């Protein structure tokens, strides 16, 4: 129960957009757009959709402020124009396909489409200044342009921020099998740290480990992946430079192959600040070998070792797309 001096902060955002994209479609399994591996070819898609997000911060005391809060974020959307349940009718039963439960994007527009986006408890840990805890469902993304993962997850985060040092430990539960047996779970662990070396330069390092025991029965062992990354950012007058490298290694991937994999991701980017705009350029190399895509998507349980960099979440482009990833927490902070 909150005290009488409750503090309630309310905010949100509304989005109306059109999408024109030829990003690859996806099959039924694995990662990527629509929850599947990208297919080789895809038709151009175009549509309108809309979304409303509202959030509430419940803070039990003005004295505590952000040191203790419960955060809730709800979402209506994404409601696609004309989308909804395929079967339906208006009150006469046979004129227009009026949508009932569903997205609410069709004629009549009624829909069951309110969902919980985030809900978590966050509080400072008094014995050590700068130390805080967060637990629940919250957005999280890696510092490497979200090349490894970025989404909403159920998990725990322990963060430290003081002076020139920032660091956090994060744990996510991807899949909970039998609650009496942890041997069939899929768990993600991460450690990230950043050190400010001067007024214009910061250096950071990250380690992620994914233990994917959900697919142990399909492969006969516990699949795993790990990522080790480093990043340097510096400012030279109006120019900001950023570079990072990530090494990835593992065995088994989404239960689709028995073999090992290893690879790296290298990026160098610069932003030039002008009076009226910012001009940026990024050059990125992601390692791979001929046939590695078929190795991952074929599902043949091949045991060969491939030299290819993999990630749990990575948008793969075959053309232009305008998109919004929404709010995520990078380096323990909300973007």
C-alpha atoms as a PDB file:
ATOM      1  CA  UNK A   1       0.000   0.000   0.000  1.00  0.00           C
ATOM      2  CA  UNK A   2       1.247   3.466  -0.871  1.00  0.00           C
ATOM      3  CA  UNK A   3       1.269   6.196   1.728  1.00  0.00           C
ATOM      4  CA  UNK A   4      -1.011   9.239   1.574  1.00  0.00           C
ATOM      5  CA  UNK A   5       1.719  11.324  -0.018  1.00  0.00           C
ATOM      6  CA  UNK A   6       1.688   9.130  -3.122  1.00  0.00           C
ATOM      7  CA  UNK A   7       3.292  10.554  -6.221  1.00  0.00           C
ATOM      8  CA  UNK A   8       1.926   9.439  -9.565  1.00  0.00           C
ATOM      9  CA  UNK A   9       3.643  10.470 -12.794  1.00  0.00           C
ATOM     10  CA  UNK A  10       1.844   9.812 -16.073  1.00  0.00           C
ATOM     11  CA  UNK A  11       3.247  10.016 -19.595  1.00  0.00           C
ATOM     12  CA  UNK A  12       3.070   8.368 -22.965  1.00  0.00           C
ATOM     13  CA  UNK A  13       3.365   8.646 -26.695  1.00  0.00           C
ATOM     14  CA  UNK A  14       1.162   8.196 -29.737  1.00  0.00           C
ATOM     15  CA  UNK A  15       2.367   7.011 -33.135  1.00  0.00           C
ATOM     16  CA  UNK A  16       0.765   7.032 -36.580  1.00  0.00           C
ATOM     17  CA  UNK A  17       2.992   5.713 -39.352  1.00  0.00           C
ATOM     18  CA  UNK A  18       3.162   4.263 -42.834  1.00  0.00           C
ATOM     19  CA  UNK A  19       5.598   1.464 -43.708  1.00  0.00           C
ATOM     20  CA  UNK A  20       7.096   0.681 -47.104  1.00  0.00           C
ATOM     21  CA  UNK A  21       9.623  -2.149 -46.913  1.00  0.00           C
ATOM     22  CA  UNK A  22      11.124  -5.010 -48.855  1.00  0.00           C
ATOM     23  CA  UNK A  23      12.802  -6.595 -45.826  1.00  0.00           C
ATOM     24  CA  UNK A  24      12.766 -10.358 -46.169  1.00  0.00           C
ATOM     25  CA  UNK A  25       9.787 -12.353 -44.949  1.00  0.00           C
ATOM     26  CA  UNK A  26      10.332 -15.161 -42.451  1.00  0.00           C
ATOM     27  CA  UNK A  27       9.658 -18.830 -41.958  1.00  0.00           C
ATOM     28  CA  UNK A  28       8.017 -20.411 -38.935  1.00  0.00           C
ATOM     29  CA  UNK A  29      11.046 -21.105 -36.724  1.00  0.00           C
ATOM     30  CA  UNK A  30      14.083 -19.341 -35.365  1.00  0.00           C
ATOM     31  CA  UNK A  31      14.772 -15.616 -34.987  1.00  0.00           C
ATOM     32  CA  UNK A  32      14.285 -12.550 -37.137  1.00  0.00           C
ATOM     33  CA  UNK A  33      11.265 -10.695 -38.420  1.00  0.00           C
ATOM     34  CA  UNK A  34       7.924 -12.280 -37.449  1.00  0.00           C
ATOM     35  CA  UNK A  35       9.725 -14.816 -35.271  1.00  0.00           C
ATOM     36  CA  UNK A  36      11.357 -16.790 -38.104  1.00  0.00           C
ATOM     37  CA  UNK A  37      14.541 -16.999 -40.129  1.00  0.00           C
ATOM     38  CA  UNK A  38      14.553 -14.523 -43.043  1.00  0.00           C
ATOM     39  CA  UNK A  39      13.693 -16.073 -46.383  1.00  0.00           C
ATOM     40  CA  UNK A  40      15.787 -15.415 -49.460  1.00  0.00           C
ATOM     41  CA  UNK A  41      13.253 -13.185 -51.224  1.00  0.00           C
ATOM     42  CA  UNK A  42      10.258 -11.157 -50.114  1.00  0.00           C
ATOM     43  CA  UNK A  43       7.669  -8.941 -51.791  1.00  0.00           C
ATOM     44  CA  UNK A  44       7.470  -5.236 -51.011  1.00  0.00           C
ATOM     45  CA  UNK A  45       4.991  -4.571 -48.209  1.00  0.00           C
ATOM     46  CA  UNK A  46       3.149  -1.357 -47.417  1.00  0.00           C
ATOM     47  CA  UNK A  47       0.608  -0.510 -44.738  1.00  0.00           C
ATOM     48  CA  UNK A  48      -0.488   2.034 -42.104  1.00  0.00           C
ATOM     49  CA  UNK A  49      -0.636   1.351 -38.386  1.00  0.00           C
ATOM     50  CA  UNK A  50      -1.088   3.242 -35.132  1.00  0.00           C
ATOM     51  CA  UNK A  51      -0.030   2.752 -31.526  1.00  0.00           C
ATOM     52  CA  UNK A  52      -0.634   4.342 -28.121  1.00  0.00           C
ATOM     53  CA  UNK A  53       1.641   3.791 -25.139  1.00  0.00           C
ATOM     54  CA  UNK A  54       0.859   5.160 -21.674  1.00  0.00           C
ATOM     55  CA  UNK A  55       3.015   4.747 -18.605  1.00  0.00           C
ATOM     56  CA  UNK A  56       2.705   5.387 -14.901  1.00  0.00           C
ATOM     57  CA  UNK A  57       5.376   5.813 -12.244  1.00  0.00           C
ATOM     58  CA  UNK A  58       4.127   5.163  -8.714  1.00  0.00           C
ATOM     59  CA  UNK A  59       6.464   6.765  -6.168  1.00  0.00           C
ATOM     60  CA  UNK A  60       5.436   6.278  -2.551  1.00  0.00           C
ATOM     61  CA  UNK A  61       7.343   9.253  -1.152  1.00  0.00           C
ATOM     62  CA  UNK A  62       8.498  12.647  -2.364  1.00  0.00           C
ATOM     63  CA  UNK A  63      11.596  12.259  -0.206  1.00  0.00           C
ATOM     64  CA  UNK A  64      12.575   8.985  -1.868  1.00  0.00           C
ATOM     65  CA  UNK A  65      11.901  10.253  -5.400  1.00  0.00           C
ATOM     66  CA  UNK A  66      13.275   7.888  -8.028  1.00  0.00           C
ATOM     67  CA  UNK A  67      14.998   5.791  -5.378  1.00  0.00           C
ATOM     68  CA  UNK A  68      11.828   3.704  -5.079  1.00  0.00           C
ATOM     69  CA  UNK A  69       9.252   3.361  -7.828  1.00  0.00           C
ATOM     70  CA  UNK A  70       6.878   0.940  -9.539  1.00  0.00           C
ATOM     71  CA  UNK A  71       6.655   1.433 -13.289  1.00  0.00           C
ATOM     72  CA  UNK A  72       3.801   0.264 -15.510  1.00  0.00           C
ATOM     73  CA  UNK A  73       3.568   0.758 -19.279  1.00  0.00           C
ATOM     74  CA  UNK A  74       0.572  -0.322 -21.346  1.00  0.00           C
ATOM     75  CA  UNK A  75       0.132  -0.430 -25.097  1.00  0.00           C
ATOM     76  CA  UNK A  76      -2.728  -0.387 -27.591  1.00  0.00           C
ATOM     77  CA  UNK A  77      -1.264  -1.478 -30.887  1.00  0.00           C
ATOM     78  CA  UNK A  78       0.232  -1.900 -33.240  1.00  0.00           C
ATOM     79  CA  UNK A  79      -3.236  -1.624 -34.842  1.00  0.00           C
ATOM     80  CA  UNK A  80      -2.883  -2.077 -38.580  1.00  0.00           C
ATOM     81  CA  UNK A  81      -5.364  -0.229 -40.754  1.00  0.00           C
ATOM     82  CA  UNK A  82      -7.802  -2.813 -42.105  1.00  0.00           C
ATOM     83  CA  UNK A  83      -6.369  -5.573 -39.940  1.00  0.00           C
ATOM     84  CA  UNK A  84      -8.339  -7.836 -37.659  1.00  0.00           C
ATOM     85  CA  UNK A  85     -10.065 -11.194 -37.454  1.00  0.00           C
ATOM     86  CA  UNK A  86     -10.814 -12.602 -40.883  1.00  0.00           C
ATOM     87  CA  UNK A  87     -14.352 -13.718 -40.111  1.00  0.00           C
ATOM     88  CA  UNK A  88     -16.914 -11.204 -38.817  1.00  0.00           C
ATOM     89  CA  UNK A  89     -20.049  -9.309 -39.699  1.00  0.00           C
ATOM     90  CA  UNK A  90     -22.019  -6.234 -38.774  1.00  0.00           C
ATOM     91  CA  UNK A  91     -25.206  -6.315 -36.710  1.00  0.00           C
ATOM     92  CA  UNK A  92     -27.232  -7.518 -39.707  1.00  0.00           C
ATOM     93  CA  UNK A  93     -24.915 -10.478 -40.059  1.00  0.00           C
ATOM     94  CA  UNK A  94     -23.951 -10.182 -43.703  1.00  0.00           C
ATOM     95  CA  UNK A  95     -22.973  -6.690 -44.826  1.00  0.00           C
ATOM     96  CA  UNK A  96     -19.518  -5.622 -43.658  1.00  0.00           C
ATOM     97  CA  UNK A  97     -16.766  -7.555 -41.832  1.00  0.00           C
ATOM     98  CA  UNK A  98     -17.056  -5.749 -38.498  1.00  0.00           C
ATOM     99  CA  UNK A  99     -14.268  -6.875 -36.190  1.00  0.00           C
ATOM    100  CA  UNK A 100     -14.950  -8.026 -32.636  1.00  0.00           C
ATOM    101  CA  UNK A 101     -12.148  -9.349 -30.408  1.00  0.00           C
ATOM    102  CA  UNK A 102      -8.859  -8.794 -32.169  1.00  0.00           C
ATOM    103  CA  UNK A 103      -6.662  -5.933 -33.264  1.00  0.00           C
ATOM    104  CA  UNK A 104      -9.542  -3.527 -33.952  1.00  0.00           C
ATOM    105  CA  UNK A 105      -8.256  -2.258 -37.285  1.00  0.00           C
ATOM    106  CA  UNK A 106     -11.238  -3.283 -39.409  1.00  0.00           C
ATOM    107  CA  UNK A 107     -14.680  -1.842 -40.003  1.00  0.00           C
ATOM    108  CA  UNK A 108     -16.330  -1.090 -36.660  1.00  0.00           C
ATOM    109  CA  UNK A 109     -12.892  -0.878 -35.051  1.00  0.00           C
ATOM    110  CA  UNK A 110     -13.860  -2.739 -31.849  1.00  0.00           C
ATOM    111  CA  UNK A 111     -10.936  -4.737 -30.571  1.00  0.00           C
ATOM    112  CA  UNK A 112      -9.401  -6.427 -27.567  1.00  0.00           C
ATOM    113  CA  UNK A 113      -5.944  -4.935 -27.918  1.00  0.00           C
ATOM    114  CA  UNK A 114      -4.665  -3.579 -24.591  1.00  0.00           C
ATOM    115  CA  UNK A 115      -1.479  -5.247 -23.413  1.00  0.00           C
ATOM    116  CA  UNK A 116       1.154  -4.855 -20.737  1.00  0.00           C
ATOM    117  CA  UNK A 117       4.406  -3.564 -22.205  1.00  0.00           C
ATOM    118  CA  UNK A 118       6.483  -3.117 -19.034  1.00  0.00           C
ATOM    119  CA  UNK A 119       5.940  -3.590 -15.327  1.00  0.00           C
ATOM    120  CA  UNK A 120       8.802  -3.493 -12.857  1.00  0.00           C
ATOM    121  CA  UNK A 121       9.949  -2.456  -9.398  1.00  0.00           C
ATOM    122  CA  UNK A 122      13.084  -0.331  -9.075  1.00  0.00           C
ATOM    123  CA  UNK A 123      14.814   0.878  -5.941  1.00  0.00           C
ATOM    124  CA  UNK A 124      18.156   2.114  -4.680  1.00  0.00           C
ATOM    125  CA  UNK A 125      20.169  -0.091  -2.328  1.00  0.00           C
ATOM    126  CA  UNK A 126      21.182   2.255   0.526  1.00  0.00           C
ATOM    127  CA  UNK A 127      24.417   0.664   1.809  1.00  0.00           C
ATOM    128  CA  UNK A 128      26.229   1.534  -1.418  1.00  0.00           C
ATOM    129  CA  UNK A 129      25.572   4.846  -3.171  1.00  0.00           C
ATOM    130  CA  UNK A 130      24.860   4.420  -6.863  1.00  0.00           C
ATOM    131  CA  UNK A 131      23.676   0.809  -6.558  1.00  0.00           C
ATOM    132  CA  UNK A 132      20.115  -0.020  -7.657  1.00  0.00           C
ATOM    133  CA  UNK A 133      17.898  -3.034  -8.372  1.00  0.00           C
ATOM    134  CA  UNK A 134      15.231  -3.552 -11.027  1.00  0.00           C
ATOM    135  CA  UNK A 135      12.982  -6.579 -11.360  1.00  0.00           C
ATOM    136  CA  UNK A 136       9.990  -7.430 -13.550  1.00  0.00           C
ATOM    137  CA  UNK A 137       9.346  -6.929 -17.272  1.00  0.00           C
ATOM    138  CA  UNK A 138      11.402  -4.141 -18.835  1.00  0.00           C
ATOM    139  CA  UNK A 139      13.060  -3.091 -22.086  1.00  0.00           C
ATOM    140  CA  UNK A 140      16.732  -3.830 -22.574  1.00  0.00           C
ATOM    141  CA  UNK A 141      19.185  -3.492 -25.456  1.00  0.00           C
ATOM    142  CA  UNK A 142      22.919  -3.971 -25.835  1.00  0.00           C
ATOM    143  CA  UNK A 143      25.243  -1.010 -26.413  1.00  0.00           C
ATOM    144  CA  UNK A 144      26.342  -2.288 -29.848  1.00  0.00           C
ATOM    145  CA  UNK A 145      23.519  -0.779 -31.926  1.00  0.00           C
ATOM    146  CA  UNK A 146      21.254  -3.567 -30.644  1.00  0.00           C
ATOM    147  CA  UNK A 147      23.178  -6.085 -32.770  1.00  0.00           C
ATOM    148  CA  UNK A 148      22.955  -8.813 -30.119  1.00  0.00           C
ATOM    149  CA  UNK A 149      19.552  -8.334 -28.498  1.00  0.00           C
ATOM    150  CA  UNK A 150      16.942  -5.649 -27.896  1.00  0.00           C
ATOM    151  CA  UNK A 151      13.408  -6.270 -26.691  1.00  0.00           C
ATOM    152  CA  UNK A 152      11.239  -6.473 -23.582  1.00  0.00           C
ATOM    153  CA  UNK A 153      12.255  -9.255 -21.205  1.00  0.00           C
ATOM    154  CA  UNK A 154      11.250 -10.727 -17.858  1.00  0.00           C
ATOM    155  CA  UNK A 155      14.259 -10.550 -15.596  1.00  0.00           C
ATOM    156  CA  UNK A 156      16.413  -8.851 -12.978  1.00  0.00           C
ATOM    157  CA  UNK A 157      19.026  -6.103 -13.202  1.00  0.00           C
ATOM    158  CA  UNK A 158      21.565  -4.889 -10.664  1.00  0.00           C
ATOM    159  CA  UNK A 159      23.127  -1.571 -11.709  1.00  0.00           C
ATOM    160  CA  UNK A 160      25.881   0.669 -10.346  1.00  0.00           C
ATOM    161  CA  UNK A 161      26.471   4.239 -11.446  1.00  0.00           C
ATOM    162  CA  UNK A 162      28.781   6.664  -9.699  1.00  0.00           C
ATOM    163  CA  UNK A 163      31.314   9.138 -10.980  1.00  0.00           C
ATOM    164  CA  UNK A 164      33.187   7.861 -14.033  1.00  0.00           C
ATOM    165  CA  UNK A 165      31.996   4.274 -13.606  1.00  0.00           C
ATOM    166  CA  UNK A 166      28.809   2.596 -14.816  1.00  0.00           C
ATOM    167  CA  UNK A 167      28.145  -1.126 -14.660  1.00  0.00           C
ATOM    168  CA  UNK A 168      25.288  -3.595 -14.493  1.00  0.00           C
ATOM    169  CA  UNK A 169      24.506  -7.273 -14.254  1.00  0.00           C
ATOM    170  CA  UNK A 170      21.379  -8.536 -15.982  1.00  0.00           C
ATOM    171  CA  UNK A 171      19.525 -11.855 -15.970  1.00  0.00           C
ATOM    172  CA  UNK A 172      16.635 -12.791 -18.284  1.00  0.00           C
ATOM    173  CA  UNK A 173      14.421 -15.851 -18.379  1.00  0.00           C
ATOM    174  CA  UNK A 174      13.744 -16.607 -22.052  1.00  0.00           C
ATOM    175  CA  UNK A 175      11.862 -19.855 -21.523  1.00  0.00           C
ATOM    176  CA  UNK A 176      10.521 -21.540 -18.384  1.00  0.00           C
ATOM    177  CA  UNK A 177       9.805 -25.215 -18.862  1.00  0.00           C
ATOM    178  CA  UNK A 178       8.785 -27.504 -16.038  1.00  0.00           C
ATOM    179  CA  UNK A 179       8.891 -25.345 -12.893  1.00  0.00           C
ATOM    180  CA  UNK A 180      10.145 -28.353 -10.915  1.00  0.00           C
ATOM    181  CA  UNK A 181      13.037 -28.955 -13.317  1.00  0.00           C
ATOM    182  CA  UNK A 182      15.475 -26.205 -14.347  1.00  0.00           C
ATOM    183  CA  UNK A 183      17.119 -28.494 -16.893  1.00  0.00           C
ATOM    184  CA  UNK A 184      14.737 -27.404 -19.663  1.00  0.00           C
ATOM    185  CA  UNK A 185      14.996 -23.628 -19.165  1.00  0.00           C
ATOM    186  CA  UNK A 186      16.548 -20.997 -21.423  1.00  0.00           C
ATOM    187  CA  UNK A 187      18.480 -18.316 -19.493  1.00  0.00           C
ATOM    188  CA  UNK A 188      20.472 -15.204 -20.432  1.00  0.00           C
ATOM    189  CA  UNK A 189      23.223 -13.649 -18.287  1.00  0.00           C
ATOM    190  CA  UNK A 190      25.074 -10.406 -18.931  1.00  0.00           C
ATOM    191  CA  UNK A 191      27.719  -8.120 -17.426  1.00  0.00           C
ATOM    192  CA  UNK A 192      28.391  -4.642 -18.839  1.00  0.00           C
ATOM    193  CA  UNK A 193      30.765  -1.930 -17.665  1.00  0.00           C
ATOM    194  CA  UNK A 194      31.778   1.552 -18.791  1.00  0.00           C
ATOM    195  CA  UNK A 195      34.616   3.820 -17.683  1.00  0.00           C
ATOM    196  CA  UNK A 196      34.983   7.493 -18.571  1.00  0.00           C
ATOM    197  CA  UNK A 197      38.681   8.008 -19.367  1.00  0.00           C
ATOM    198  CA  UNK A 198      38.427  11.772 -19.748  1.00  0.00           C
ATOM    199  CA  UNK A 199      36.116  14.581 -20.687  1.00  0.00           C
ATOM    200  CA  UNK A 200      35.718  13.266 -24.229  1.00  0.00           C
ATOM    201  CA  UNK A 201      36.482   9.518 -24.158  1.00  0.00           C
ATOM    202  CA  UNK A 202      34.748   6.456 -22.716  1.00  0.00           C
ATOM    203  CA  UNK A 203      35.632   2.764 -22.940  1.00  0.00           C
ATOM    204  CA  UNK A 204      33.298  -0.151 -22.271  1.00  0.00           C
ATOM    205  CA  UNK A 205      33.221  -3.949 -22.262  1.00  0.00           C
ATOM    206  CA  UNK A 206      30.401  -6.525 -22.232  1.00  0.00           C
ATOM    207  CA  UNK A 207      29.985 -10.257 -21.724  1.00  0.00           C
ATOM    208  CA  UNK A 208      26.733 -12.136 -22.506  1.00  0.00           C
ATOM    209  CA  UNK A 209      26.081 -15.850 -22.012  1.00  0.00           C
ATOM    210  CA  UNK A 210      22.994 -17.675 -23.264  1.00  0.00           C
ATOM    211  CA  UNK A 211      22.333 -21.158 -21.864  1.00  0.00           C
ATOM    212  CA  UNK A 212      19.599 -22.563 -24.107  1.00  0.00           C
ATOM    213  CA  UNK A 213      18.606 -25.778 -22.322  1.00  0.00           C
ATOM    214  CA  UNK A 214      15.145 -25.535 -23.850  1.00  0.00           C
ATOM    215  CA  UNK A 215      16.556 -27.391 -26.879  1.00  0.00           C
ATOM    216  CA  UNK A 216      18.710 -29.970 -25.075  1.00  0.00           C
ATOM    217  CA  UNK A 217      16.364 -32.851 -25.967  1.00  0.00           C
ATOM    218  CA  UNK A 218      16.459 -32.004 -29.672  1.00  0.00           C
ATOM    219  CA  UNK A 219      20.274 -31.833 -29.773  1.00  0.00           C
ATOM    220  CA  UNK A 220      21.404 -34.178 -27.011  1.00  0.00           C
ATOM    221  CA  UNK A 221      23.442 -31.502 -25.175  1.00  0.00           C
ATOM    222  CA  UNK A 222      22.986 -28.020 -23.658  1.00  0.00           C
ATOM    223  CA  UNK A 223      23.258 -25.435 -26.475  1.00  0.00           C
ATOM    224  CA  UNK A 224      25.026 -22.190 -25.583  1.00  0.00           C
ATOM    225  CA  UNK A 225      26.271 -18.939 -27.088  1.00  0.00           C
ATOM    226  CA  UNK A 226      28.503 -16.232 -25.650  1.00  0.00           C
ATOM    227  CA  UNK A 227      29.450 -12.743 -26.806  1.00  0.00           C
ATOM    228  CA  UNK A 228      32.463 -10.696 -25.680  1.00  0.00           C
ATOM    229  CA  UNK A 229      32.522  -7.073 -26.833  1.00  0.00           C
ATOM    230  CA  UNK A 230      34.465  -3.852 -26.399  1.00  0.00           C
ATOM    231  CA  UNK A 231      33.601  -0.269 -27.358  1.00  0.00           C
ATOM    232  CA  UNK A 232      35.398   3.096 -27.434  1.00  0.00           C
ATOM    233  CA  UNK A 233      33.707   6.474 -27.983  1.00  0.00           C
ATOM    234  CA  UNK A 234      35.522   9.788 -28.269  1.00  0.00           C
ATOM    235  CA  UNK A 235      34.700  13.363 -29.269  1.00  0.00           C
ATOM    236  CA  UNK A 236      37.041  15.473 -31.407  1.00  0.00           C
ATOM    237  CA  UNK A 237      35.496  18.903 -31.722  1.00  0.00           C
ATOM    238  CA  UNK A 238      32.299  18.570 -33.794  1.00  0.00           C
ATOM    239  CA  UNK A 239      33.143  14.924 -34.643  1.00  0.00           C
ATOM    240  CA  UNK A 240      32.077  11.967 -32.500  1.00  0.00           C
ATOM    241  CA  UNK A 241      33.760   8.643 -33.251  1.00  0.00           C
ATOM    242  CA  UNK A 242      32.549   5.241 -32.088  1.00  0.00           C
ATOM    243  CA  UNK A 243      34.075   1.835 -32.663  1.00  0.00           C
ATOM    244  CA  UNK A 244      33.336  -1.624 -31.330  1.00  0.00           C
ATOM    245  CA  UNK A 245      34.215  -5.252 -31.886  1.00  0.00           C
ATOM    246  CA  UNK A 246      32.248  -8.301 -30.696  1.00  0.00           C
ATOM    247  CA  UNK A 247      33.418 -11.923 -30.667  1.00  0.00           C
ATOM    248  CA  UNK A 248      30.777 -14.665 -30.647  1.00  0.00           C
ATOM    249  CA  UNK A 249      31.174 -18.397 -30.076  1.00  0.00           C
ATOM    250  CA  UNK A 250      28.791 -21.213 -29.290  1.00  0.00           C
ATOM    251  CA  UNK A 251      27.406 -24.639 -30.032  1.00  0.00           C
ATOM    252  CA  UNK A 252      23.855 -25.295 -31.171  1.00  0.00           C
ATOM    253  CA  UNK A 253      21.523 -22.511 -32.227  1.00  0.00           C
ATOM    254  CA  UNK A 254      17.739 -22.456 -31.615  1.00  0.00           C
ATOM    255  CA  UNK A 255      17.867 -26.268 -31.564  1.00  0.00           C
ATOM    256  CA  UNK A 256      18.558 -26.344 -35.308  1.00  0.00           C
ATOM    257  CA  UNK A 257      22.175 -27.543 -35.521  1.00  0.00           C
ATOM    258  CA  UNK A 258      24.659 -29.559 -33.471  1.00  0.00           C
ATOM    259  CA  UNK A 259      27.798 -27.871 -34.750  1.00  0.00           C
ATOM    260  CA  UNK A 260      29.907 -25.091 -33.301  1.00  0.00           C
ATOM    261  CA  UNK A 261      30.082 -21.512 -34.532  1.00  0.00           C
ATOM    262  CA  UNK A 262      32.466 -18.614 -34.103  1.00  0.00           C
ATOM    263  CA  UNK A 263      32.678 -15.157 -35.618  1.00  0.00           C
ATOM    264  CA  UNK A 264      33.051 -11.448 -35.017  1.00  0.00           C
ATOM    265  CA  UNK A 265      31.281  -8.145 -35.636  1.00  0.00           C
ATOM    266  CA  UNK A 266      33.320  -4.980 -36.280  1.00  0.00           C
ATOM    267  CA  UNK A 267      31.942  -1.443 -36.570  1.00  0.00           C
ATOM    268  CA  UNK A 268      33.405   2.048 -36.995  1.00  0.00           C
ATOM    269  CA  UNK A 269      31.098   5.084 -37.071  1.00  0.00           C
ATOM    270  CA  UNK A 270      31.343   8.857 -36.994  1.00  0.00           C
ATOM    271  CA  UNK A 271      28.846  11.698 -36.519  1.00  0.00           C
ATOM    272  CA  UNK A 272      29.617  15.245 -37.681  1.00  0.00           C
ATOM    273  CA  UNK A 273      27.593  17.898 -35.880  1.00  0.00           C
ATOM    274  CA  UNK A 274      26.525  20.743 -38.184  1.00  0.00           C
ATOM    275  CA  UNK A 275      24.529  23.822 -37.280  1.00  0.00           C
ATOM    276  CA  UNK A 276      21.327  22.495 -38.786  1.00  0.00           C
ATOM    277  CA  UNK A 277      21.811  18.720 -38.788  1.00  0.00           C
ATOM    278  CA  UNK A 278      24.033  15.774 -37.934  1.00  0.00           C
ATOM    279  CA  UNK A 279      25.762  13.818 -40.716  1.00  0.00           C
ATOM    280  CA  UNK A 280      26.832  10.285 -39.891  1.00  0.00           C
ATOM    281  CA  UNK A 281      28.589   7.351 -41.539  1.00  0.00           C
ATOM    282  CA  UNK A 282      28.958   3.783 -40.291  1.00  0.00           C
ATOM    283  CA  UNK A 283      31.054   0.963 -41.749  1.00  0.00           C
ATOM    284  CA  UNK A 284      30.322  -2.514 -40.377  1.00  0.00           C
ATOM    285  CA  UNK A 285      31.629  -6.008 -41.094  1.00  0.00           C
ATOM    286  CA  UNK A 286      29.932  -9.174 -39.807  1.00  0.00           C
ATOM    287  CA  UNK A 287      31.865 -12.381 -40.448  1.00  0.00           C
ATOM    288  CA  UNK A 288      30.369 -15.369 -42.230  1.00  0.00           C
ATOM    289  CA  UNK A 289      31.222 -18.064 -44.713  1.00  0.00           C
ATOM    290  CA  UNK A 290      29.585 -19.461 -47.807  1.00  0.00           C
ATOM    291  CA  UNK A 291      26.746 -21.797 -46.873  1.00  0.00           C
ATOM    292  CA  UNK A 292      26.455 -20.668 -43.251  1.00  0.00           C
ATOM    293  CA  UNK A 293      22.981 -19.217 -43.847  1.00  0.00           C
ATOM    294  CA  UNK A 294      21.769 -22.555 -45.191  1.00  0.00           C
ATOM    295  CA  UNK A 295      23.450 -24.293 -42.255  1.00  0.00           C
ATOM    296  CA  UNK A 296      21.390 -22.246 -39.806  1.00  0.00           C
ATOM    297  CA  UNK A 297      18.082 -22.345 -41.633  1.00  0.00           C
ATOM    298  CA  UNK A 298      18.169 -25.859 -43.031  1.00  0.00           C
ATOM    299  CA  UNK A 299      17.477 -27.512 -39.686  1.00  0.00           C
ATOM    300  CA  UNK A 300      19.545 -30.548 -40.696  1.00  0.00           C
ATOM    301  CA  UNK A 301      21.227 -30.772 -37.261  1.00  0.00           C
ATOM    302  CA  UNK A 302      24.581 -30.632 -39.061  1.00  0.00           C
ATOM    303  CA  UNK A 303      27.593 -31.028 -36.783  1.00  0.00           C
ATOM    304  CA  UNK A 304      30.041 -28.969 -38.838  1.00  0.00           C
ATOM    305  CA  UNK A 305      31.818 -25.926 -37.376  1.00  0.00           C
ATOM    306  CA  UNK A 306      30.990 -22.681 -39.200  1.00  0.00           C
ATOM    307  CA  UNK A 307      32.845 -19.354 -39.140  1.00  0.00           C
ATOM    308  CA  UNK A 308      29.809 -17.101 -38.758  1.00  0.00           C
ATOM    309  CA  UNK A 309      28.796 -14.452 -36.228  1.00  0.00           C
ATOM    310  CA  UNK A 310      25.348 -15.085 -34.722  1.00  0.00           C
ATOM    311  CA  UNK A 311      23.024 -13.129 -32.465  1.00  0.00           C
ATOM    312  CA  UNK A 312      19.748 -13.683 -30.671  1.00  0.00           C
ATOM    313  CA  UNK A 313      18.266 -10.477 -32.086  1.00  0.00           C
ATOM    314  CA  UNK A 314      19.549  -8.825 -35.233  1.00  0.00           C
ATOM    315  CA  UNK A 315      17.511  -7.093 -37.939  1.00  0.00           C
ATOM    316  CA  UNK A 316      18.701  -8.274 -41.332  1.00  0.00           C
ATOM    317  CA  UNK A 317      18.068  -5.805 -44.150  1.00  0.00           C
ATOM    318  CA  UNK A 318      17.551  -6.274 -47.859  1.00  0.00           C
ATOM    319  CA  UNK A 319      16.214  -2.773 -48.499  1.00  0.00           C
ATOM    320  CA  UNK A 320      15.061   0.459 -46.874  1.00  0.00           C
ATOM    321  CA  UNK A 321      12.698   0.446 -43.917  1.00  0.00           C
ATOM    322  CA  UNK A 322      11.429   3.141 -41.561  1.00  0.00           C
ATOM    323  CA  UNK A 323      10.956   1.713 -38.078  1.00  0.00           C
ATOM    324  CA  UNK A 324      10.917   2.469 -34.370  1.00  0.00           C
ATOM    325  CA  UNK A 325      12.322   0.023 -31.832  1.00  0.00           C
ATOM    326  CA  UNK A 326      10.561   1.814 -28.973  1.00  0.00           C
ATOM    327  CA  UNK A 327      12.007   2.423 -25.505  1.00  0.00           C
ATOM    328  CA  UNK A 328      14.863   0.186 -24.427  1.00  0.00           C
ATOM    329  CA  UNK A 329      17.360   0.347 -21.618  1.00  0.00           C
ATOM    330  CA  UNK A 330      20.917   0.735 -22.798  1.00  0.00           C
ATOM    331  CA  UNK A 331      23.733   0.778 -20.252  1.00  0.00           C
ATOM    332  CA  UNK A 332      20.997   0.592 -17.645  1.00  0.00           C
ATOM    333  CA  UNK A 333      19.276   3.773 -18.857  1.00  0.00           C
ATOM    334  CA  UNK A 334      16.089   4.277 -20.851  1.00  0.00           C
ATOM    335  CA  UNK A 335      16.539   5.514 -24.416  1.00  0.00           C
END
